[in-house]
Amino acid sequence: MMIQNKRIFASILLVLISFVCAAQGPPPPPPGIPPPPGFPIDGGILMGVCVALFYGAKKLLANK
């Protein structure tokens, strides 16, 4: 009788574990492609410096 109880217990565990594994769903999609390797990080920094210098000079001249 003891061996039959162990077999029933093992069968129930096997069924429950299979339900848990099936409930996890499909795997997530792969991540997107990375940007191209030559992508400039500081594009437009020269223009920003020029605008900042112009704005600063305008502020200095307007206060006098």
N, C-alpha and C. Protein backbone atom coordinates (compact mmCIF):
# COMPACT_ATOMS: atom_id res chain seq x y z
N MET A 1 0.82 -1.19 0.00
CA MET A 1 0.00 0.00 0.00
C MET A 1 0.87 1.26 0.00
N MET A 2 2.00 1.21 0.66
CA MET A 2 2.88 2.37 0.75
C MET A 2 3.48 2.73 -0.61
N ILE A 3 3.84 1.73 -1.41
CA ILE A 3 4.42 1.98 -2.73
C ILE A 3 3.38 2.61 -3.65
N GLN A 4 2.13 2.17 -3.56
CA GLN A 4 1.07 2.74 -4.40
C GLN A 4 0.84 4.21 -4.04
N ASN A 5 0.90 4.56 -2.76
CA ASN A 5 0.74 5.96 -2.36
C ASN A 5 1.87 6.82 -2.91
N LYS A 6 3.10 6.28 -2.92
CA LYS A 6 4.23 7.02 -3.49
C LYS A 6 4.05 7.23 -4.99
N ARG A 7 3.53 6.24 -5.68
CA ARG A 7 3.31 6.37 -7.13
C ARG A 7 2.23 7.42 -7.43
N ILE A 8 1.18 7.43 -6.66
CA ILE A 8 0.11 8.42 -6.84
C ILE A 8 0.65 9.81 -6.56
N PHE A 9 1.41 9.94 -5.48
CA PHE A 9 2.00 11.23 -5.13
C PHE A 9 2.95 11.71 -6.23
N ALA A 10 3.77 10.82 -6.76
CA ALA A 10 4.70 11.17 -7.84
C ALA A 10 3.94 11.56 -9.10
N SER A 11 2.87 10.89 -9.41
CA SER A 11 2.07 11.22 -10.59
C SER A 11 1.43 12.59 -10.46
N ILE A 12 0.89 12.88 -9.28
CA ILE A 12 0.28 14.19 -9.05
C ILE A 12 1.31 15.30 -9.18
N LEU A 13 2.49 15.09 -8.60
CA LEU A 13 3.56 16.09 -8.72
C LEU A 13 3.97 16.30 -10.17
N LEU A 14 4.07 15.24 -10.92
CA LEU A 14 4.44 15.34 -12.34
C LEU A 14 3.41 16.16 -13.12
N VAL A 15 2.14 15.93 -12.87
CA VAL A 15 1.09 16.68 -13.55
C VAL A 15 1.13 18.15 -13.16
N LEU A 16 1.29 18.43 -11.86
CA LEU A 16 1.33 19.82 -11.40
C LEU A 16 2.54 20.56 -11.97
N ILE A 17 3.68 19.92 -12.02
CA ILE A 17 4.88 20.56 -12.57
C ILE A 17 4.71 20.83 -14.06
N SER A 18 4.06 19.93 -14.77
CA SER A 18 3.84 20.17 -16.20
C SER A 18 2.90 21.36 -16.43
N PHE A 19 1.91 21.54 -15.55
CA PHE A 19 1.04 22.71 -15.67
C PHE A 19 1.80 24.00 -15.41
N VAL A 20 2.68 23.99 -14.45
CA VAL A 20 3.48 25.18 -14.14
C VAL A 20 4.39 25.52 -15.31
N CYS A 21 4.99 24.53 -15.90
CA CYS A 21 5.88 24.77 -17.04
C CYS A 21 5.11 25.29 -18.25
N ALA A 22 3.90 24.80 -18.47
CA ALA A 22 3.11 25.23 -19.61
C ALA A 22 2.54 26.63 -19.40
N ALA A 23 2.39 27.08 -18.15
CA ALA A 23 1.78 28.37 -17.86
C ALA A 23 2.75 29.53 -17.99
N GLN A 24 4.01 29.26 -18.25
CA GLN A 24 5.00 30.33 -18.32
C GLN A 24 4.91 31.14 -19.61
N GLY A 25 4.33 30.63 -20.65
CA GLY A 25 4.13 31.38 -21.87
C GLY A 25 5.34 31.34 -22.79
N PRO A 26 5.21 32.01 -23.94
CA PRO A 26 6.31 32.00 -24.91
C PRO A 26 7.46 32.90 -24.44
N PRO A 27 8.65 32.67 -24.97
CA PRO A 27 9.79 33.51 -24.58
C PRO A 27 9.63 34.92 -25.15
N PRO A 28 10.24 35.93 -24.53
CA PRO A 28 10.12 37.30 -25.03
C PRO A 28 10.86 37.46 -26.36
N PRO A 29 10.47 38.45 -27.15
CA PRO A 29 11.14 38.66 -28.44
C PRO A 29 12.58 39.14 -28.22
N PRO A 30 13.45 38.91 -29.20
CA PRO A 30 14.83 39.36 -29.06
C PRO A 30 14.91 40.89 -29.08
N PRO A 31 15.95 41.47 -28.49
CA PRO A 31 16.07 42.94 -28.47
C PRO A 31 16.31 43.48 -29.88
N GLY A 32 16.03 44.77 -30.04
CA GLY A 32 16.19 45.42 -31.34
C GLY A 32 17.64 45.53 -31.75
N ILE A 33 17.84 45.94 -32.99
CA ILE A 33 19.20 46.04 -33.50
C ILE A 33 19.88 47.28 -32.91
N PRO A 34 21.18 47.22 -32.67
CA PRO A 34 21.89 48.38 -32.12
C PRO A 34 22.08 49.45 -33.20
N PRO A 35 22.37 50.69 -32.80
CA PRO A 35 22.61 51.73 -33.79
C PRO A 35 23.88 51.44 -34.58
N PRO A 36 24.04 52.05 -35.75
CA PRO A 36 25.23 51.81 -36.54
C PRO A 36 26.49 52.24 -35.78
N PRO A 37 27.65 51.63 -36.07
CA PRO A 37 28.84 51.91 -35.28
C PRO A 37 29.40 53.32 -35.44
N GLY A 38 29.13 53.99 -36.54
CA GLY A 38 29.68 55.32 -36.75
C GLY A 38 28.73 56.43 -36.34
N PHE A 39 27.76 56.14 -35.50
CA PHE A 39 26.75 57.13 -35.12
C PHE A 39 27.38 58.21 -34.24
N PRO A 40 27.30 59.48 -34.65
CA PRO A 40 27.94 60.54 -33.87
C PRO A 40 27.14 60.87 -32.60
N ILE A 41 27.81 60.91 -31.49
CA ILE A 41 27.14 61.24 -30.22
C ILE A 41 27.05 62.75 -30.06
N ASP A 42 28.08 63.48 -30.49
CA ASP A 42 28.12 64.92 -30.27
C ASP A 42 27.87 65.71 -31.57
N GLY A 43 26.99 65.21 -32.42
CA GLY A 43 26.67 65.95 -33.64
C GLY A 43 25.94 67.24 -33.31
N GLY A 44 26.44 68.38 -33.77
CA GLY A 44 25.81 69.66 -33.52
C GLY A 44 26.38 70.40 -32.33
N ILE A 45 27.46 69.91 -31.75
CA ILE A 45 28.03 70.58 -30.58
C ILE A 45 28.66 71.92 -30.98
N LEU A 46 29.22 71.98 -32.17
CA LEU A 46 29.82 73.24 -32.63
C LEU A 46 28.74 74.31 -32.80
N MET A 47 27.60 73.91 -33.34
CA MET A 47 26.49 74.85 -33.51
C MET A 47 25.98 75.33 -32.14
N GLY A 48 25.92 74.42 -31.17
CA GLY A 48 25.48 74.79 -29.83
C GLY A 48 26.44 75.77 -29.16
N VAL A 49 27.73 75.58 -29.35
CA VAL A 49 28.73 76.50 -28.80
C VAL A 49 28.59 77.88 -29.45
N CYS A 50 28.39 77.90 -30.75
CA CYS A 50 28.22 79.19 -31.45
C CYS A 50 26.98 79.93 -30.96
N VAL A 51 25.89 79.23 -30.80
CA VAL A 51 24.66 79.85 -30.31
C VAL A 51 24.87 80.35 -28.89
N ALA A 52 25.56 79.57 -28.04
CA ALA A 52 25.80 79.99 -26.66
C ALA A 52 26.68 81.24 -26.62
N LEU A 53 27.71 81.30 -27.45
CA LEU A 53 28.57 82.48 -27.49
C LEU A 53 27.79 83.71 -27.96
N PHE A 54 26.98 83.55 -28.98
CA PHE A 54 26.17 84.65 -29.49
C PHE A 54 25.19 85.14 -28.43
N TYR A 55 24.53 84.20 -27.74
CA TYR A 55 23.57 84.57 -26.70
C TYR A 55 24.27 85.27 -25.54
N GLY A 56 25.43 84.77 -25.14
CA GLY A 56 26.18 85.39 -24.06
C GLY A 56 26.65 86.79 -24.41
N ALA A 57 27.13 86.97 -25.64
CA ALA A 57 27.58 88.29 -26.07
C ALA A 57 26.40 89.26 -26.12
N LYS A 58 25.26 88.80 -26.58
CA LYS A 58 24.06 89.64 -26.65
C LYS A 58 23.63 90.07 -25.24
N LYS A 59 23.68 89.14 -24.28
CA LYS A 59 23.30 89.45 -22.91
C LYS A 59 24.28 90.46 -22.29
N LEU A 60 25.58 90.29 -22.56
CA LEU A 60 26.57 91.22 -22.02
C LEU A 60 26.40 92.62 -22.59
N LEU A 61 26.14 92.70 -23.88
CA LEU A 61 25.99 93.99 -24.53
C LEU A 61 24.66 94.67 -24.17
N ALA A 62 23.64 93.87 -23.87
CA ALA A 62 22.33 94.44 -23.55
C ALA A 62 22.33 95.02 -22.12
N ASN A 63 23.16 94.54 -21.25
CA ASN A 63 23.19 95.04 -19.87
C ASN A 63 23.97 96.33 -19.72
N LYS A 64 24.70 96.75 -20.70
CA LYS A 64 25.51 97.97 -20.58
C LYS A 64 24.79 99.17 -21.06
